[in-house]
Amino acid sequence: MTSPSSYLLFIVFSFVFLPTHARNIVHGTCKLCSQQDPNVRYRFCTTSLEAASGSHHANIRGLGKISIHLTHENLTDTSSHIKKLMKNNVFKLNAFVKPRLDDCLELYSDSIIDIRSAMKNYKLKRYDEASLLISAVMDAATTCENGFKEKRKTISPLTKRNNVTFELAAIGLSLIRVIQSGIN
């Protein structure tokens, strides 16, 4: 026999994850993810996913795919931005900043490969493998940012981009956890 709390949980999750025109799956999903993961901010999640084509008609698995795609787009854009910074010498690259940008470019280049592999694994429902690769992307963004903190009074030109990369990846990772828990 099903306990009353299990039944209530089923009703709540059914409401949150059954795609209907009467409610917005993005908000329900982001609310759940932000409650379960301190790295997912509700407003950032809803803004990011709502901007993506097809998100309003997607199910939870579709939102996971969208979040991985958004992370890939961000990684690619940030990698191009780093190359542009280095080429234009915008920050009058000194002996400290240039090697940090080189490191970040390598981290982001590797992360592009990782997120592509994560998407392949996600599509094949190899969620553990996808999670590991997405976690590596989060670590890369953190490592890039921390490189600039090694010297006092050095400001990272990539703070905002690193934060966005980290948060987009966190959304994907959180969605995978939701899927693995069987809530979809």
N, C-alpha and C. Protein backbone atom coordinates (compact mmCIF):
# COMPACT_ATOMS: atom_id res chain seq x y z
N MET A 1 0.84 -1.19 0.00
CA MET A 1 0.00 0.00 0.00
C MET A 1 0.88 1.24 0.00
N THR A 2 0.46 2.22 -0.73
CA THR A 2 1.20 3.46 -0.86
C THR A 2 0.90 4.38 0.32
N SER A 3 1.96 4.96 0.88
CA SER A 3 1.77 5.87 1.99
C SER A 3 1.21 7.19 1.48
N PRO A 4 0.51 7.94 2.34
CA PRO A 4 -0.03 9.23 1.92
C PRO A 4 1.05 10.19 1.42
N SER A 5 2.22 10.17 2.06
CA SER A 5 3.28 11.08 1.63
C SER A 5 3.82 10.69 0.27
N SER A 6 3.90 9.40 -0.03
CA SER A 6 4.34 8.96 -1.35
C SER A 6 3.35 9.37 -2.42
N TYR A 7 2.07 9.24 -2.10
CA TYR A 7 1.02 9.62 -3.03
C TYR A 7 1.06 11.12 -3.31
N LEU A 8 1.24 11.92 -2.27
CA LEU A 8 1.33 13.37 -2.42
C LEU A 8 2.55 13.74 -3.27
N LEU A 9 3.67 13.07 -3.00
CA LEU A 9 4.88 13.32 -3.77
C LEU A 9 4.64 13.00 -5.24
N PHE A 10 3.95 11.90 -5.52
CA PHE A 10 3.62 11.52 -6.89
C PHE A 10 2.78 12.60 -7.57
N ILE A 11 1.80 13.11 -6.89
CA ILE A 11 0.92 14.15 -7.45
C ILE A 11 1.72 15.42 -7.75
N VAL A 12 2.55 15.83 -6.81
CA VAL A 12 3.35 17.04 -6.99
C VAL A 12 4.28 16.87 -8.18
N PHE A 13 5.00 15.75 -8.25
CA PHE A 13 5.94 15.54 -9.34
C PHE A 13 5.22 15.37 -10.67
N SER A 14 4.06 14.76 -10.67
CA SER A 14 3.28 14.63 -11.90
C SER A 14 2.90 16.00 -12.42
N PHE A 15 2.48 16.87 -11.54
CA PHE A 15 2.12 18.22 -11.93
C PHE A 15 3.32 18.98 -12.48
N VAL A 16 4.46 18.81 -11.82
CA VAL A 16 5.65 19.54 -12.22
C VAL A 16 6.19 19.05 -13.56
N PHE A 17 6.11 17.76 -13.83
CA PHE A 17 6.81 17.22 -14.98
C PHE A 17 5.92 16.79 -16.15
N LEU A 18 4.63 16.76 -16.01
CA LEU A 18 3.79 16.45 -17.15
C LEU A 18 3.63 17.72 -17.99
N PRO A 19 4.10 17.66 -19.25
CA PRO A 19 3.98 18.87 -20.06
C PRO A 19 2.52 19.16 -20.41
N THR A 20 2.05 20.33 -20.05
CA THR A 20 0.71 20.77 -20.40
C THR A 20 0.78 22.23 -20.80
N HIS A 21 -0.26 22.68 -21.45
CA HIS A 21 -0.29 24.10 -21.84
C HIS A 21 -0.66 24.99 -20.66
N ALA A 22 -1.23 24.41 -19.61
CA ALA A 22 -1.72 25.21 -18.48
C ALA A 22 -0.60 25.67 -17.55
N ARG A 23 0.56 25.11 -17.63
CA ARG A 23 1.66 25.52 -16.75
C ARG A 23 2.98 25.47 -17.51
N ASN A 24 3.99 26.00 -16.93
CA ASN A 24 5.27 26.11 -17.60
C ASN A 24 6.26 25.14 -16.96
N ILE A 25 6.69 24.17 -17.72
CA ILE A 25 7.61 23.14 -17.20
C ILE A 25 8.94 23.74 -16.76
N VAL A 26 9.36 24.80 -17.43
CA VAL A 26 10.65 25.40 -17.08
C VAL A 26 10.64 25.88 -15.63
N HIS A 27 9.61 26.57 -15.23
CA HIS A 27 9.56 27.10 -13.86
C HIS A 27 9.50 25.98 -12.83
N GLY A 28 8.69 24.97 -13.09
CA GLY A 28 8.60 23.86 -12.15
C GLY A 28 9.90 23.10 -12.02
N THR A 29 10.55 22.90 -13.15
CA THR A 29 11.83 22.17 -13.15
C THR A 29 12.91 22.99 -12.46
N CYS A 30 12.98 24.27 -12.78
CA CYS A 30 14.00 25.12 -12.15
C CYS A 30 13.77 25.26 -10.65
N LYS A 31 12.52 25.29 -10.25
CA LYS A 31 12.22 25.36 -8.81
C LYS A 31 12.75 24.11 -8.11
N LEU A 32 12.47 22.95 -8.69
CA LEU A 32 12.94 21.70 -8.10
C LEU A 32 14.47 21.65 -8.07
N CYS A 33 15.09 21.99 -9.19
CA CYS A 33 16.56 21.95 -9.26
C CYS A 33 17.20 22.92 -8.26
N SER A 34 16.64 24.11 -8.15
CA SER A 34 17.22 25.10 -7.23
C SER A 34 17.03 24.69 -5.77
N GLN A 35 15.99 23.94 -5.50
CA GLN A 35 15.77 23.45 -4.14
C GLN A 35 16.71 22.31 -3.80
N GLN A 36 17.08 21.52 -4.80
CA GLN A 36 17.93 20.35 -4.56
C GLN A 36 19.42 20.62 -4.71
N ASP A 37 19.78 21.70 -5.39
CA ASP A 37 21.19 21.96 -5.69
C ASP A 37 21.52 23.41 -5.41
N PRO A 38 22.42 23.67 -4.46
CA PRO A 38 22.77 25.05 -4.12
C PRO A 38 23.49 25.79 -5.26
N ASN A 39 23.97 25.06 -6.26
CA ASN A 39 24.65 25.68 -7.40
C ASN A 39 23.68 26.15 -8.48
N VAL A 40 22.39 25.85 -8.32
CA VAL A 40 21.40 26.25 -9.31
C VAL A 40 20.54 27.35 -8.70
N ARG A 41 20.62 28.53 -9.30
CA ARG A 41 19.77 29.64 -8.87
C ARG A 41 18.52 29.64 -9.74
N TYR A 42 17.37 29.74 -9.10
CA TYR A 42 16.08 29.67 -9.79
C TYR A 42 15.98 30.67 -10.94
N ARG A 43 16.27 31.91 -10.68
CA ARG A 43 16.11 32.96 -11.69
C ARG A 43 17.06 32.72 -12.88
N PHE A 44 18.29 32.35 -12.60
CA PHE A 44 19.24 32.07 -13.68
C PHE A 44 18.75 30.88 -14.51
N CYS A 45 18.28 29.86 -13.84
CA CYS A 45 17.79 28.66 -14.51
C CYS A 45 16.61 28.99 -15.42
N THR A 46 15.62 29.69 -14.88
CA THR A 46 14.44 30.00 -15.70
C THR A 46 14.79 30.91 -16.87
N THR A 47 15.61 31.91 -16.63
CA THR A 47 15.99 32.83 -17.70
C THR A 47 16.75 32.10 -18.80
N SER A 48 17.68 31.23 -18.41
CA SER A 48 18.48 30.49 -19.39
C SER A 48 17.64 29.54 -20.20
N LEU A 49 16.83 28.74 -19.52
CA LEU A 49 16.04 27.74 -20.24
C LEU A 49 14.90 28.36 -21.05
N GLU A 50 14.27 29.41 -20.53
CA GLU A 50 13.19 30.05 -21.27
C GLU A 50 13.68 30.67 -22.58
N ALA A 51 14.92 31.09 -22.61
CA ALA A 51 15.46 31.71 -23.82
C ALA A 51 15.74 30.69 -24.92
N ALA A 52 15.78 29.43 -24.56
CA ALA A 52 16.11 28.38 -25.53
C ALA A 52 14.88 27.92 -26.30
N SER A 53 15.06 27.77 -27.57
CA SER A 53 13.98 27.30 -28.44
C SER A 53 13.53 25.90 -28.01
N GLY A 54 12.23 25.72 -27.94
CA GLY A 54 11.67 24.41 -27.62
C GLY A 54 11.55 24.08 -26.16
N SER A 55 12.02 24.96 -25.30
CA SER A 55 12.02 24.64 -23.87
C SER A 55 10.62 24.56 -23.27
N HIS A 56 9.70 25.33 -23.77
CA HIS A 56 8.35 25.36 -23.20
C HIS A 56 7.54 24.12 -23.52
N HIS A 57 7.98 23.39 -24.53
CA HIS A 57 7.26 22.18 -24.92
C HIS A 57 8.07 20.92 -24.61
N ALA A 58 9.22 21.10 -23.97
CA ALA A 58 10.09 19.97 -23.68
C ALA A 58 9.65 19.28 -22.38
N ASN A 59 10.01 18.02 -22.26
CA ASN A 59 9.86 17.33 -20.99
C ASN A 59 11.18 17.48 -20.24
N ILE A 60 11.30 16.85 -19.10
CA ILE A 60 12.50 17.01 -18.27
C ILE A 60 13.75 16.56 -19.02
N ARG A 61 13.64 15.47 -19.76
CA ARG A 61 14.79 14.96 -20.53
C ARG A 61 15.17 15.97 -21.63
N GLY A 62 14.16 16.57 -22.25
CA GLY A 62 14.43 17.59 -23.26
C GLY A 62 15.11 18.82 -22.67
N LEU A 63 14.70 19.19 -21.46
CA LEU A 63 15.36 20.32 -20.80
C LEU A 63 16.82 20.01 -20.48
N GLY A 64 17.09 18.76 -20.13
CA GLY A 64 18.48 18.36 -19.89
C GLY A 64 19.32 18.52 -21.15
N LYS A 65 18.78 18.10 -22.26
CA LYS A 65 19.47 18.23 -23.54
C LYS A 65 19.69 19.71 -23.86
N ILE A 66 18.67 20.52 -23.64
CA ILE A 66 18.78 21.96 -23.89
C ILE A 66 19.86 22.58 -23.00
N SER A 67 19.91 22.20 -21.74
CA SER A 67 20.91 22.80 -20.84
C SER A 67 22.33 22.41 -21.25
N ILE A 68 22.51 21.19 -21.71
CA ILE A 68 23.84 20.77 -22.18
C ILE A 68 24.21 21.56 -23.45
N HIS A 69 23.24 21.75 -24.31
CA HIS A 69 23.47 22.53 -25.53
C HIS A 69 23.84 23.98 -25.19
N LEU A 70 23.13 24.58 -24.24
CA LEU A 70 23.45 25.94 -23.81
C LEU A 70 24.86 26.03 -23.24
N THR A 71 25.26 25.01 -22.49
CA THR A 71 26.62 24.98 -21.94
C THR A 71 27.63 24.92 -23.08
N HIS A 72 27.36 24.10 -24.08
CA HIS A 72 28.26 24.00 -25.24
C HIS A 72 28.39 25.35 -25.94
N GLU A 73 27.26 26.02 -26.17
CA GLU A 73 27.30 27.34 -26.81
C GLU A 73 28.13 28.33 -26.00
N ASN A 74 27.95 28.29 -24.68
CA ASN A 74 28.70 29.20 -23.81
C ASN A 74 30.19 28.90 -23.84
N LEU A 75 30.55 27.63 -23.81
CA LEU A 75 31.96 27.25 -23.86
C LEU A 75 32.61 27.72 -25.17
N THR A 76 31.91 27.52 -26.26
CA THR A 76 32.43 27.92 -27.56
C THR A 76 32.60 29.44 -27.63
N ASP A 77 31.60 30.17 -27.16
CA ASP A 77 31.66 31.62 -27.17
C ASP A 77 32.79 32.14 -26.26
N THR A 78 32.94 31.53 -25.10
CA THR A 78 33.99 31.98 -24.17
C THR A 78 35.37 31.68 -24.73
N SER A 79 35.52 30.54 -25.36
CA SER A 79 36.80 30.20 -25.99
C SER A 79 37.16 31.24 -27.05
N SER A 80 36.19 31.63 -27.86
CA SER A 80 36.43 32.67 -28.88
C SER A 80 36.76 34.01 -28.23
N HIS A 81 36.07 34.30 -27.13
CA HIS A 81 36.32 35.55 -26.41
C HIS A 81 37.76 35.59 -25.86
N ILE A 82 38.22 34.48 -25.33
CA ILE A 82 39.59 34.42 -24.80
C ILE A 82 40.59 34.66 -25.94
N LYS A 83 40.37 34.01 -27.06
CA LYS A 83 41.27 34.20 -28.22
C LYS A 83 41.29 35.66 -28.64
N LYS A 84 40.12 36.29 -28.63
CA LYS A 84 40.02 37.70 -29.02
C LYS A 84 40.78 38.59 -28.03
N LEU A 85 40.63 38.30 -26.73
CA LEU A 85 41.37 39.07 -25.72
C LEU A 85 42.87 38.96 -25.95
N MET A 86 43.31 37.76 -26.23
CA MET A 86 44.75 37.53 -26.42
C MET A 86 45.25 38.19 -27.70
N LYS A 87 44.45 38.13 -28.75
CA LYS A 87 44.84 38.71 -30.04
C LYS A 87 44.87 40.23 -29.98
N ASN A 88 43.85 40.81 -29.37
CA ASN A 88 43.75 42.26 -29.31
C ASN A 88 44.55 42.87 -28.18
N ASN A 89 45.10 42.03 -27.32
CA ASN A 89 45.91 42.49 -26.20
C ASN A 89 45.17 43.57 -25.40
N VAL A 90 43.86 43.38 -25.25
CA VAL A 90 42.98 44.35 -24.60
C VAL A 90 43.47 44.75 -23.21
N PHE A 91 43.95 43.79 -22.49
CA PHE A 91 44.35 44.06 -21.10
C PHE A 91 45.85 44.29 -20.96
N LYS A 92 46.50 44.64 -22.07
CA LYS A 92 47.95 44.84 -22.02
C LYS A 92 48.56 43.67 -21.24
N LEU A 93 48.39 42.51 -21.82
CA LEU A 93 48.73 41.26 -21.15
C LEU A 93 50.12 41.30 -20.55
N ASN A 94 50.16 41.11 -19.27
CA ASN A 94 51.44 41.10 -18.59
C ASN A 94 51.90 39.66 -18.37
N ALA A 95 53.02 39.52 -17.75
CA ALA A 95 53.60 38.19 -17.54
C ALA A 95 52.73 37.31 -16.66
N PHE A 96 51.81 37.89 -15.91
CA PHE A 96 50.92 37.09 -15.07
C PHE A 96 49.62 36.74 -15.79
N VAL A 97 49.02 37.70 -16.46
CA VAL A 97 47.70 37.50 -17.07
C VAL A 97 47.75 36.59 -18.29
N LYS A 98 48.73 36.78 -19.16
CA LYS A 98 48.78 35.99 -20.39
C LYS A 98 48.81 34.49 -20.12
N PRO A 99 49.66 34.00 -19.23
CA PRO A 99 49.64 32.55 -18.99
C PRO A 99 48.30 32.06 -18.41
N ARG A 100 47.61 32.91 -17.65
CA ARG A 100 46.30 32.53 -17.11
C ARG A 100 45.28 32.41 -18.23
N LEU A 101 45.34 33.33 -19.18
CA LEU A 101 44.44 33.25 -20.33
C LEU A 101 44.77 32.02 -21.18
N ASP A 102 46.06 31.73 -21.33
CA ASP A 102 46.46 30.51 -22.05
C ASP A 102 45.88 29.27 -21.36
N ASP A 103 45.99 29.25 -20.03
CA ASP A 103 45.44 28.12 -19.26
C ASP A 103 43.93 28.02 -19.44
N CYS A 104 43.26 29.16 -19.39
CA CYS A 104 41.81 29.17 -19.54
C CYS A 104 41.39 28.71 -20.93
N LEU A 105 42.14 29.14 -21.93
CA LEU A 105 41.83 28.71 -23.29
C LEU A 105 41.95 27.19 -23.41
N GLU A 106 42.98 26.64 -22.83
CA GLU A 106 43.15 25.18 -22.85
C GLU A 106 42.02 24.49 -22.08
N LEU A 107 41.67 25.04 -20.91
CA LEU A 107 40.58 24.46 -20.12
C LEU A 107 39.26 24.50 -20.88
N TYR A 108 38.98 25.62 -21.53
CA TYR A 108 37.73 25.75 -22.28
C TYR A 108 37.75 24.87 -23.54
N SER A 109 38.90 24.75 -24.19
CA SER A 109 38.99 23.87 -25.36
C SER A 109 38.73 22.42 -24.96
N ASP A 110 39.31 21.99 -23.86
CA ASP A 110 39.06 20.64 -23.35
C ASP A 110 37.60 20.47 -22.94
N SER A 111 37.02 21.52 -22.38
CA SER A 111 35.63 21.46 -21.93
C SER A 111 34.65 21.34 -23.10
N ILE A 112 35.00 21.92 -24.23
CA ILE A 112 34.16 21.77 -25.42
C ILE A 112 34.10 20.30 -25.83
N ILE A 113 35.24 19.64 -25.78
CA ILE A 113 35.28 18.21 -26.08
C ILE A 113 34.47 17.44 -25.04
N ASP A 114 34.64 17.80 -23.77
CA ASP A 114 33.92 17.12 -22.69
C ASP A 114 32.40 17.28 -22.83
N ILE A 115 31.94 18.48 -23.16
CA ILE A 115 30.49 18.70 -23.22
C ILE A 115 29.90 17.99 -24.43
N ARG A 116 30.65 17.88 -25.51
CA ARG A 116 30.18 17.10 -26.66
C ARG A 116 30.03 15.63 -26.27
N SER A 117 31.01 15.13 -25.54
CA SER A 117 30.93 13.74 -25.07
C SER A 117 29.79 13.57 -24.07
N ALA A 118 29.59 14.58 -23.25
CA ALA A 118 28.48 14.53 -22.29
C ALA A 118 27.15 14.43 -23.02
N MET A 119 27.00 15.20 -24.09
CA MET A 119 25.75 15.16 -24.87
C MET A 119 25.55 13.77 -25.47
N LYS A 120 26.60 13.19 -26.03
CA LYS A 120 26.49 11.85 -26.61
C LYS A 120 26.06 10.85 -25.54
N ASN A 121 26.70 10.91 -24.38
CA ASN A 121 26.35 10.00 -23.30
C ASN A 121 24.94 10.25 -22.80
N TYR A 122 24.55 11.50 -22.74
CA TYR A 122 23.20 11.86 -22.29
C TYR A 122 22.16 11.26 -23.23
N LYS A 123 22.38 11.42 -24.52
CA LYS A 123 21.45 10.88 -25.51
C LYS A 123 21.34 9.36 -25.42
N LEU A 124 22.44 8.71 -25.03
CA LEU A 124 22.46 7.25 -24.88
C LEU A 124 22.00 6.81 -23.48
N LYS A 125 21.57 7.78 -22.68
CA LYS A 125 21.12 7.55 -21.30
C LYS A 125 22.22 6.97 -20.41
N ARG A 126 23.43 7.33 -20.72
CA ARG A 126 24.58 7.00 -19.87
C ARG A 126 24.81 8.19 -18.94
N TYR A 127 23.92 8.31 -17.99
CA TYR A 127 23.87 9.51 -17.16
C TYR A 127 25.08 9.66 -16.24
N ASP A 128 25.63 8.56 -15.75
CA ASP A 128 26.81 8.68 -14.88
C ASP A 128 28.00 9.26 -15.64
N GLU A 129 28.20 8.77 -16.88
CA GLU A 129 29.29 9.29 -17.70
C GLU A 129 29.06 10.76 -18.04
N ALA A 130 27.82 11.10 -18.42
CA ALA A 130 27.50 12.49 -18.73
C ALA A 130 27.74 13.39 -17.52
N SER A 131 27.36 12.91 -16.35
CA SER A 131 27.55 13.69 -15.11
C SER A 131 29.02 13.97 -14.84
N LEU A 132 29.86 12.97 -15.03
CA LEU A 132 31.30 13.15 -14.81
C LEU A 132 31.87 14.21 -15.75
N LEU A 133 31.46 14.16 -16.99
CA LEU A 133 31.96 15.12 -17.97
C LEU A 133 31.46 16.53 -17.69
N ILE A 134 30.21 16.64 -17.29
CA ILE A 134 29.66 17.96 -16.95
C ILE A 134 30.34 18.51 -15.70
N SER A 135 30.62 17.64 -14.75
CA SER A 135 31.36 18.06 -13.54
C SER A 135 32.74 18.58 -13.91
N ALA A 136 33.37 17.95 -14.89
CA ALA A 136 34.69 18.41 -15.35
C ALA A 136 34.61 19.81 -15.94
N VAL A 137 33.52 20.10 -16.63
CA VAL A 137 33.32 21.45 -17.18
C VAL A 137 33.20 22.46 -16.05
N MET A 138 32.45 22.11 -15.02
CA MET A 138 32.30 23.00 -13.87
C MET A 138 33.66 23.25 -13.22
N ASP A 139 34.45 22.18 -13.07
CA ASP A 139 35.78 22.30 -12.48
C ASP A 139 36.68 23.20 -13.33
N ALA A 140 36.57 23.08 -14.65
CA ALA A 140 37.39 23.89 -15.55
C ALA A 140 37.10 25.39 -15.37
N ALA A 141 35.81 25.73 -15.27
CA ALA A 141 35.45 27.14 -15.08
C ALA A 141 36.00 27.66 -13.75
N THR A 142 35.91 26.84 -12.72
CA THR A 142 36.43 27.23 -11.41
C THR A 142 37.95 27.36 -11.44
N THR A 143 38.61 26.42 -12.08
CA THR A 143 40.08 26.45 -12.18
C THR A 143 40.54 27.69 -12.94
N CYS A 144 39.84 28.00 -14.03
CA CYS A 144 40.17 29.21 -14.80
C CYS A 144 40.09 30.44 -13.91
N GLU A 145 38.99 30.58 -13.21
CA GLU A 145 38.79 31.75 -12.35
C GLU A 145 39.83 31.81 -11.23
N ASN A 146 40.09 30.67 -10.61
CA ASN A 146 41.05 30.63 -9.50
C ASN A 146 42.47 30.97 -9.93
N GLY A 147 42.80 30.74 -11.18
CA GLY A 147 44.13 31.07 -11.68
C GLY A 147 44.45 32.55 -11.53
N PHE A 148 43.44 33.38 -11.70
CA PHE A 148 43.65 34.83 -11.58
C PHE A 148 43.76 35.28 -10.13
N LYS A 149 43.28 34.45 -9.22
CA LYS A 149 43.32 34.81 -7.80
C LYS A 149 44.66 34.50 -7.15
N GLU A 150 45.56 33.90 -7.91
CA GLU A 150 46.87 33.55 -7.37
C GLU A 150 47.71 34.78 -7.06
N LYS A 151 47.39 35.89 -7.68
CA LYS A 151 48.14 37.13 -7.44
C LYS A 151 47.17 38.20 -6.98
N ARG A 152 47.49 38.80 -5.87
CA ARG A 152 46.64 39.85 -5.31
C ARG A 152 46.45 40.99 -6.30
N LYS A 153 45.28 41.57 -6.22
CA LYS A 153 44.91 42.74 -7.02
C LYS A 153 44.84 42.45 -8.53
N THR A 154 44.77 41.18 -8.89
CA THR A 154 44.57 40.85 -10.29
C THR A 154 43.10 40.50 -10.47
N ILE A 155 42.49 41.15 -11.42
CA ILE A 155 41.07 40.94 -11.68
C ILE A 155 40.93 40.06 -12.93
N SER A 156 40.17 39.02 -12.80
CA SER A 156 39.92 38.13 -13.93
C SER A 156 39.02 38.81 -14.96
N PRO A 157 39.43 38.79 -16.22
CA PRO A 157 38.55 39.33 -17.26
C PRO A 157 37.45 38.34 -17.66
N LEU A 158 37.43 37.19 -16.99
CA LEU A 158 36.50 36.12 -17.35
C LEU A 158 35.53 35.74 -16.24
N THR A 159 35.48 36.51 -15.18
CA THR A 159 34.65 36.15 -14.03
C THR A 159 33.20 35.87 -14.42
N LYS A 160 32.59 36.79 -15.12
CA LYS A 160 31.18 36.61 -15.49
C LYS A 160 31.00 35.37 -16.36
N ARG A 161 31.85 35.20 -17.34
CA ARG A 161 31.75 34.05 -18.24
C ARG A 161 32.00 32.74 -17.49
N ASN A 162 32.97 32.73 -16.60
CA ASN A 162 33.23 31.52 -15.80
C ASN A 162 32.02 31.17 -14.94
N ASN A 163 31.41 32.19 -14.35
CA ASN A 163 30.23 31.96 -13.51
C ASN A 163 29.06 31.40 -14.33
N VAL A 164 28.85 31.95 -15.52
CA VAL A 164 27.76 31.47 -16.38
C VAL A 164 28.02 30.02 -16.80
N THR A 165 29.26 29.73 -17.18
CA THR A 165 29.61 28.36 -17.56
C THR A 165 29.32 27.40 -16.42
N PHE A 166 29.76 27.76 -15.23
CA PHE A 166 29.56 26.93 -14.05
C PHE A 166 28.07 26.70 -13.81
N GLU A 167 27.29 27.77 -13.86
CA GLU A 167 25.86 27.65 -13.56
C GLU A 167 25.09 26.87 -14.62
N LEU A 168 25.42 27.08 -15.89
CA LEU A 168 24.75 26.31 -16.95
C LEU A 168 25.04 24.82 -16.78
N ALA A 169 26.30 24.50 -16.50
CA ALA A 169 26.66 23.10 -16.29
C ALA A 169 25.96 22.54 -15.04
N ALA A 170 25.83 23.35 -14.02
CA ALA A 170 25.16 22.90 -12.79
C ALA A 170 23.69 22.57 -13.06
N ILE A 171 23.04 23.33 -13.94
CA ILE A 171 21.66 23.03 -14.30
C ILE A 171 21.59 21.66 -14.96
N GLY A 172 22.47 21.41 -15.92
CA GLY A 172 22.49 20.11 -16.60
C GLY A 172 22.73 18.97 -15.64
N LEU A 173 23.67 19.16 -14.74
CA LEU A 173 23.98 18.12 -13.75
C LEU A 173 22.79 17.88 -12.83
N SER A 174 22.14 18.92 -12.41
CA SER A 174 20.97 18.79 -11.54
C SER A 174 19.83 18.06 -12.27
N LEU A 175 19.63 18.38 -13.53
CA LEU A 175 18.58 17.71 -14.30
C LEU A 175 18.87 16.22 -14.45
N ILE A 176 20.13 15.87 -14.62
CA ILE A 176 20.49 14.46 -14.70
C ILE A 176 20.16 13.76 -13.39
N ARG A 177 20.44 14.41 -12.27
CA ARG A 177 20.11 13.81 -10.96
C ARG A 177 18.61 13.59 -10.83
N VAL A 178 17.82 14.55 -11.30
CA VAL A 178 16.37 14.42 -11.24
C VAL A 178 15.93 13.23 -12.09
N ILE A 179 16.47 13.13 -13.28
CA ILE A 179 16.13 12.00 -14.17
C ILE A 179 16.52 10.68 -13.54
N GLN A 180 17.71 10.62 -12.97
CA GLN A 180 18.18 9.38 -12.36
C GLN A 180 17.33 8.99 -11.14
N SER A 181 16.76 9.98 -10.49
CA SER A 181 15.95 9.66 -9.32
C SER A 181 14.59 9.11 -9.71
N GLY A 182 14.31 9.15 -11.02
CA GLY A 182 13.06 8.57 -11.49
C GLY A 182 11.87 9.49 -11.40
N ILE A 183 12.11 10.76 -11.22
CA ILE A 183 11.03 11.72 -11.06
C ILE A 183 10.43 12.09 -12.41
N ASN A 184 11.13 11.83 -13.49
CA ASN A 184 10.61 12.21 -14.80
C ASN A 184 9.48 11.30 -15.15
